[in-house]
Amino acid sequence: MKTAADCSSMAEIRAEIDRVDLDLVRLLARRAACIDRAARIKAELDLPARIEDRVEEVVRNVRRHAIDQGLPPDLIETFWRHLIEWSIAREESRLGPDTLRKG
């Protein structure tokens, strides 16, 4: 695996981008597995998919990580809010809509 600085041609940088994309997809699959497990645990505890305090905690965390990595926190927050909404929808597909839950 090369760093971006080690790439000296467009072919090399494109290959590296493709490797990073694969890594990102693998990480998203790991995250999805965690979401699926969270849905099973929430079902046992009768918790809803959306827990607003947790949503905002995740957003605060990724904003901080974005700043630490030199990325624009507003852009990362927007991206992550989409990821969070997808995750909640995934949980709801296993739990049922929050309006049907007692929690």
N, C-alpha and C. Protein backbone atom coordinates (compact mmCIF):
# COMPACT_ATOMS: atom_id res chain seq x y z
N MET A 1 0.85 -1.18 0.00
CA MET A 1 0.00 0.00 0.00
C MET A 1 0.89 1.24 0.00
N LYS A 2 0.60 2.14 -0.92
CA LYS A 2 1.35 3.39 -1.04
C LYS A 2 0.59 4.52 -0.35
N THR A 3 1.34 5.52 0.01
CA THR A 3 0.69 6.75 0.43
C THR A 3 0.43 7.58 -0.82
N ALA A 4 -0.41 8.56 -0.71
CA ALA A 4 -0.69 9.43 -1.85
C ALA A 4 0.60 10.09 -2.34
N ALA A 5 1.45 10.48 -1.43
CA ALA A 5 2.70 11.13 -1.80
C ALA A 5 3.63 10.20 -2.57
N ASP A 6 3.49 8.89 -2.37
CA ASP A 6 4.33 7.92 -3.08
C ASP A 6 3.88 7.68 -4.51
N CYS A 7 2.68 8.11 -4.85
CA CYS A 7 2.15 7.88 -6.19
C CYS A 7 2.69 8.94 -7.14
N SER A 8 3.23 8.48 -8.26
CA SER A 8 3.84 9.43 -9.20
C SER A 8 3.13 9.49 -10.55
N SER A 9 2.06 8.73 -10.71
CA SER A 9 1.31 8.76 -11.96
C SER A 9 -0.18 8.68 -11.66
N MET A 10 -0.98 9.05 -12.64
CA MET A 10 -2.42 8.94 -12.47
C MET A 10 -2.83 7.48 -12.28
N ALA A 11 -2.18 6.56 -12.96
CA ALA A 11 -2.51 5.14 -12.81
C ALA A 11 -2.27 4.70 -11.37
N GLU A 12 -1.16 5.11 -10.77
CA GLU A 12 -0.86 4.75 -9.39
C GLU A 12 -1.86 5.37 -8.43
N ILE A 13 -2.18 6.64 -8.62
CA ILE A 13 -3.09 7.30 -7.68
C ILE A 13 -4.50 6.73 -7.83
N ARG A 14 -4.90 6.39 -9.06
CA ARG A 14 -6.21 5.77 -9.26
C ARG A 14 -6.27 4.40 -8.60
N ALA A 15 -5.21 3.63 -8.71
CA ALA A 15 -5.16 2.31 -8.07
C ALA A 15 -5.25 2.47 -6.55
N GLU A 16 -4.58 3.47 -6.03
CA GLU A 16 -4.62 3.70 -4.58
C GLU A 16 -6.02 4.14 -4.15
N ILE A 17 -6.66 5.01 -4.92
CA ILE A 17 -8.02 5.42 -4.62
C ILE A 17 -8.95 4.21 -4.63
N ASP A 18 -8.77 3.33 -5.61
CA ASP A 18 -9.59 2.11 -5.67
C ASP A 18 -9.38 1.24 -4.43
N ARG A 19 -8.15 1.14 -3.95
CA ARG A 19 -7.87 0.36 -2.73
C ARG A 19 -8.53 1.00 -1.51
N VAL A 20 -8.43 2.32 -1.43
CA VAL A 20 -9.06 3.02 -0.31
C VAL A 20 -10.58 2.84 -0.37
N ASP A 21 -11.16 2.94 -1.57
CA ASP A 21 -12.60 2.73 -1.71
C ASP A 21 -13.02 1.35 -1.23
N LEU A 22 -12.24 0.33 -1.58
CA LEU A 22 -12.53 -1.03 -1.12
C LEU A 22 -12.47 -1.09 0.40
N ASP A 23 -11.44 -0.47 0.98
CA ASP A 23 -11.34 -0.44 2.44
C ASP A 23 -12.55 0.25 3.07
N LEU A 24 -13.00 1.35 2.47
CA LEU A 24 -14.16 2.07 2.99
C LEU A 24 -15.42 1.20 2.92
N VAL A 25 -15.60 0.50 1.81
CA VAL A 25 -16.77 -0.37 1.68
C VAL A 25 -16.70 -1.49 2.71
N ARG A 26 -15.54 -2.05 2.92
CA ARG A 26 -15.39 -3.09 3.96
C ARG A 26 -15.71 -2.54 5.34
N LEU A 27 -15.26 -1.31 5.63
CA LEU A 27 -15.57 -0.70 6.92
C LEU A 27 -17.07 -0.43 7.05
N LEU A 28 -17.70 -0.01 5.96
CA LEU A 28 -19.15 0.21 6.02
C LEU A 28 -19.89 -1.11 6.24
N ALA A 29 -19.38 -2.19 5.69
CA ALA A 29 -20.00 -3.50 5.93
C ALA A 29 -19.85 -3.89 7.40
N ARG A 30 -18.69 -3.60 7.99
CA ARG A 30 -18.51 -3.85 9.44
C ARG A 30 -19.46 -3.02 10.25
N ARG A 31 -19.63 -1.75 9.86
CA ARG A 31 -20.55 -0.87 10.57
C ARG A 31 -21.98 -1.41 10.46
N ALA A 32 -22.36 -1.88 9.27
CA ALA A 32 -23.69 -2.44 9.06
C ALA A 32 -23.91 -3.66 9.95
N ALA A 33 -22.89 -4.49 10.13
CA ALA A 33 -23.01 -5.65 11.02
C ALA A 33 -23.25 -5.18 12.45
N CYS A 34 -22.60 -4.10 12.84
CA CYS A 34 -22.83 -3.54 14.18
C CYS A 34 -24.26 -3.00 14.30
N ILE A 35 -24.73 -2.36 13.25
CA ILE A 35 -26.11 -1.85 13.25
C ILE A 35 -27.09 -3.00 13.39
N ASP A 36 -26.85 -4.09 12.67
CA ASP A 36 -27.74 -5.26 12.76
C ASP A 36 -27.74 -5.83 14.18
N ARG A 37 -26.58 -5.88 14.81
CA ARG A 37 -26.50 -6.38 16.19
C ARG A 37 -27.21 -5.42 17.13
N ALA A 38 -27.03 -4.11 16.90
CA ALA A 38 -27.71 -3.12 17.73
C ALA A 38 -29.22 -3.30 17.64
N ALA A 39 -29.72 -3.59 16.44
CA ALA A 39 -31.16 -3.79 16.27
C ALA A 39 -31.64 -4.98 17.08
N ARG A 40 -30.87 -6.06 17.11
CA ARG A 40 -31.26 -7.23 17.91
C ARG A 40 -31.27 -6.90 19.40
N ILE A 41 -30.26 -6.16 19.85
CA ILE A 41 -30.19 -5.78 21.27
C ILE A 41 -31.33 -4.82 21.61
N LYS A 42 -31.57 -3.84 20.73
CA LYS A 42 -32.65 -2.89 20.98
C LYS A 42 -34.00 -3.60 21.04
N ALA A 43 -34.19 -4.61 20.21
CA ALA A 43 -35.45 -5.37 20.24
C ALA A 43 -35.63 -6.03 21.60
N GLU A 44 -34.57 -6.60 22.13
CA GLU A 44 -34.63 -7.23 23.45
C GLU A 44 -34.94 -6.23 24.55
N LEU A 45 -34.44 -5.01 24.39
CA LEU A 45 -34.62 -3.96 25.40
C LEU A 45 -35.84 -3.06 25.11
N ASP A 46 -36.54 -3.34 24.01
CA ASP A 46 -37.68 -2.55 23.57
C ASP A 46 -37.30 -1.09 23.38
N LEU A 47 -36.16 -0.86 22.74
CA LEU A 47 -35.69 0.49 22.43
C LEU A 47 -35.99 0.81 20.98
N PRO A 48 -36.21 2.08 20.69
CA PRO A 48 -36.44 2.48 19.29
C PRO A 48 -35.13 2.51 18.51
N ALA A 49 -35.25 2.52 17.19
CA ALA A 49 -34.06 2.62 16.34
C ALA A 49 -33.40 3.98 16.53
N ARG A 50 -34.20 5.03 16.54
CA ARG A 50 -33.66 6.40 16.67
C ARG A 50 -33.59 6.78 18.15
N ILE A 51 -32.39 7.03 18.60
CA ILE A 51 -32.16 7.57 19.94
C ILE A 51 -31.40 8.87 19.72
N GLU A 52 -32.15 9.96 19.79
CA GLU A 52 -31.63 11.27 19.35
C GLU A 52 -30.34 11.67 20.07
N ASP A 53 -30.23 11.41 21.36
CA ASP A 53 -28.99 11.75 22.08
C ASP A 53 -27.79 11.04 21.47
N ARG A 54 -27.99 9.78 21.08
CA ARG A 54 -26.90 9.01 20.47
C ARG A 54 -26.57 9.55 19.08
N VAL A 55 -27.58 9.93 18.32
CA VAL A 55 -27.33 10.53 17.00
C VAL A 55 -26.42 11.73 17.14
N GLU A 56 -26.75 12.61 18.06
CA GLU A 56 -25.96 13.83 18.23
C GLU A 56 -24.56 13.54 18.78
N GLU A 57 -24.44 12.52 19.62
CA GLU A 57 -23.12 12.11 20.12
C GLU A 57 -22.24 11.63 18.96
N VAL A 58 -22.81 10.82 18.07
CA VAL A 58 -22.06 10.33 16.91
C VAL A 58 -21.62 11.51 16.04
N VAL A 59 -22.51 12.45 15.82
CA VAL A 59 -22.17 13.62 14.99
C VAL A 59 -21.05 14.43 15.64
N ARG A 60 -21.13 14.65 16.93
CA ARG A 60 -20.05 15.38 17.62
C ARG A 60 -18.72 14.65 17.47
N ASN A 61 -18.76 13.33 17.62
CA ASN A 61 -17.54 12.54 17.50
C ASN A 61 -16.92 12.67 16.11
N VAL A 62 -17.75 12.52 15.06
CA VAL A 62 -17.18 12.56 13.71
C VAL A 62 -16.72 13.97 13.35
N ARG A 63 -17.37 14.98 13.84
CA ARG A 63 -16.89 16.35 13.61
C ARG A 63 -15.50 16.52 14.22
N ARG A 64 -15.34 16.03 15.44
CA ARG A 64 -14.03 16.12 16.10
C ARG A 64 -12.98 15.35 15.31
N HIS A 65 -13.32 14.13 14.86
CA HIS A 65 -12.39 13.33 14.08
C HIS A 65 -12.04 14.03 12.76
N ALA A 66 -13.04 14.64 12.14
CA ALA A 66 -12.80 15.36 10.88
C ALA A 66 -11.79 16.49 11.10
N ILE A 67 -11.99 17.26 12.14
CA ILE A 67 -11.06 18.36 12.45
C ILE A 67 -9.67 17.80 12.69
N ASP A 68 -9.57 16.74 13.47
CA ASP A 68 -8.27 16.13 13.76
C ASP A 68 -7.56 15.66 12.49
N GLN A 69 -8.34 15.25 11.48
CA GLN A 69 -7.77 14.73 10.24
C GLN A 69 -7.65 15.80 9.14
N GLY A 70 -7.98 17.03 9.48
CA GLY A 70 -7.86 18.12 8.52
C GLY A 70 -8.95 18.13 7.46
N LEU A 71 -10.11 17.56 7.79
CA LEU A 71 -11.24 17.54 6.86
C LEU A 71 -12.30 18.54 7.29
N PRO A 72 -13.11 19.02 6.36
CA PRO A 72 -14.14 20.00 6.71
C PRO A 72 -15.26 19.36 7.55
N PRO A 73 -15.41 19.78 8.79
CA PRO A 73 -16.39 19.13 9.67
C PRO A 73 -17.83 19.24 9.17
N ASP A 74 -18.20 20.34 8.52
CA ASP A 74 -19.58 20.46 8.03
C ASP A 74 -19.87 19.43 6.95
N LEU A 75 -18.93 19.23 6.04
CA LEU A 75 -19.11 18.23 4.99
C LEU A 75 -19.20 16.83 5.57
N ILE A 76 -18.31 16.52 6.52
CA ILE A 76 -18.31 15.20 7.15
C ILE A 76 -19.60 14.99 7.93
N GLU A 77 -20.07 16.03 8.61
CA GLU A 77 -21.34 15.90 9.34
C GLU A 77 -22.48 15.58 8.38
N THR A 78 -22.54 16.29 7.26
CA THR A 78 -23.60 16.03 6.29
C THR A 78 -23.55 14.59 5.80
N PHE A 79 -22.36 14.13 5.44
CA PHE A 79 -22.19 12.75 4.99
C PHE A 79 -22.64 11.78 6.08
N TRP A 80 -22.21 12.05 7.32
CA TRP A 80 -22.52 11.13 8.41
C TRP A 80 -24.00 11.12 8.75
N ARG A 81 -24.65 12.26 8.65
CA ARG A 81 -26.10 12.27 8.92
C ARG A 81 -26.84 11.39 7.91
N HIS A 82 -26.37 11.35 6.67
CA HIS A 82 -26.96 10.43 5.69
C HIS A 82 -26.70 8.99 6.12
N LEU A 83 -25.49 8.71 6.56
CA LEU A 83 -25.14 7.36 7.02
C LEU A 83 -25.98 6.98 8.24
N ILE A 84 -26.17 7.90 9.15
CA ILE A 84 -26.98 7.64 10.34
C ILE A 84 -28.43 7.35 9.93
N GLU A 85 -28.99 8.14 9.02
CA GLU A 85 -30.37 7.91 8.58
C GLU A 85 -30.50 6.55 7.90
N TRP A 86 -29.52 6.17 7.10
CA TRP A 86 -29.52 4.84 6.48
C TRP A 86 -29.47 3.76 7.56
N SER A 87 -28.65 3.99 8.58
CA SER A 87 -28.51 3.02 9.67
C SER A 87 -29.81 2.87 10.45
N ILE A 88 -30.47 3.99 10.72
CA ILE A 88 -31.74 3.94 11.44
C ILE A 88 -32.78 3.22 10.59
N ALA A 89 -32.83 3.50 9.30
CA ALA A 89 -33.76 2.80 8.42
C ALA A 89 -33.48 1.30 8.41
N ARG A 90 -32.21 0.94 8.42
CA ARG A 90 -31.82 -0.48 8.46
C ARG A 90 -32.32 -1.13 9.76
N GLU A 91 -32.12 -0.43 10.88
CA GLU A 91 -32.62 -0.94 12.17
C GLU A 91 -34.14 -1.08 12.14
N GLU A 92 -34.81 -0.05 11.63
CA GLU A 92 -36.28 -0.09 11.60
C GLU A 92 -36.79 -1.24 10.73
N SER A 93 -36.04 -1.60 9.70
CA SER A 93 -36.47 -2.72 8.85
C SER A 93 -36.43 -4.03 9.63
N ARG A 94 -35.66 -4.06 10.70
CA ARG A 94 -35.59 -5.24 11.56
C ARG A 94 -36.50 -5.11 12.77
N LEU A 95 -36.64 -3.88 13.29
CA LEU A 95 -37.44 -3.64 14.50
C LEU A 95 -38.89 -3.30 14.21
N GLY A 96 -39.14 -2.71 13.07
CA GLY A 96 -40.41 -2.08 12.79
C GLY A 96 -40.26 -0.59 13.09
N PRO A 97 -41.11 0.25 12.51
CA PRO A 97 -41.01 1.70 12.72
C PRO A 97 -41.09 2.05 14.20
N ASP A 98 -40.38 3.12 14.57
CA ASP A 98 -40.38 3.57 15.97
C ASP A 98 -41.78 3.86 16.49
N THR A 99 -42.70 4.28 15.63
CA THR A 99 -44.04 4.59 16.09
C THR A 99 -44.77 3.38 16.61
N LEU A 100 -44.28 2.17 16.25
CA LEU A 100 -44.92 0.93 16.72
C LEU A 100 -44.27 0.40 18.00
N ARG A 101 -43.16 1.02 18.41
CA ARG A 101 -42.43 0.53 19.59
C ARG A 101 -42.98 1.20 20.84
N LYS A 102 -42.91 0.50 21.94
CA LYS A 102 -43.37 1.08 23.22
C LYS A 102 -42.41 2.15 23.70
N GLY A 103 -41.07 1.90 23.51
CA GLY A 103 -39.99 2.76 24.02
C GLY A 103 -40.21 4.16 23.78
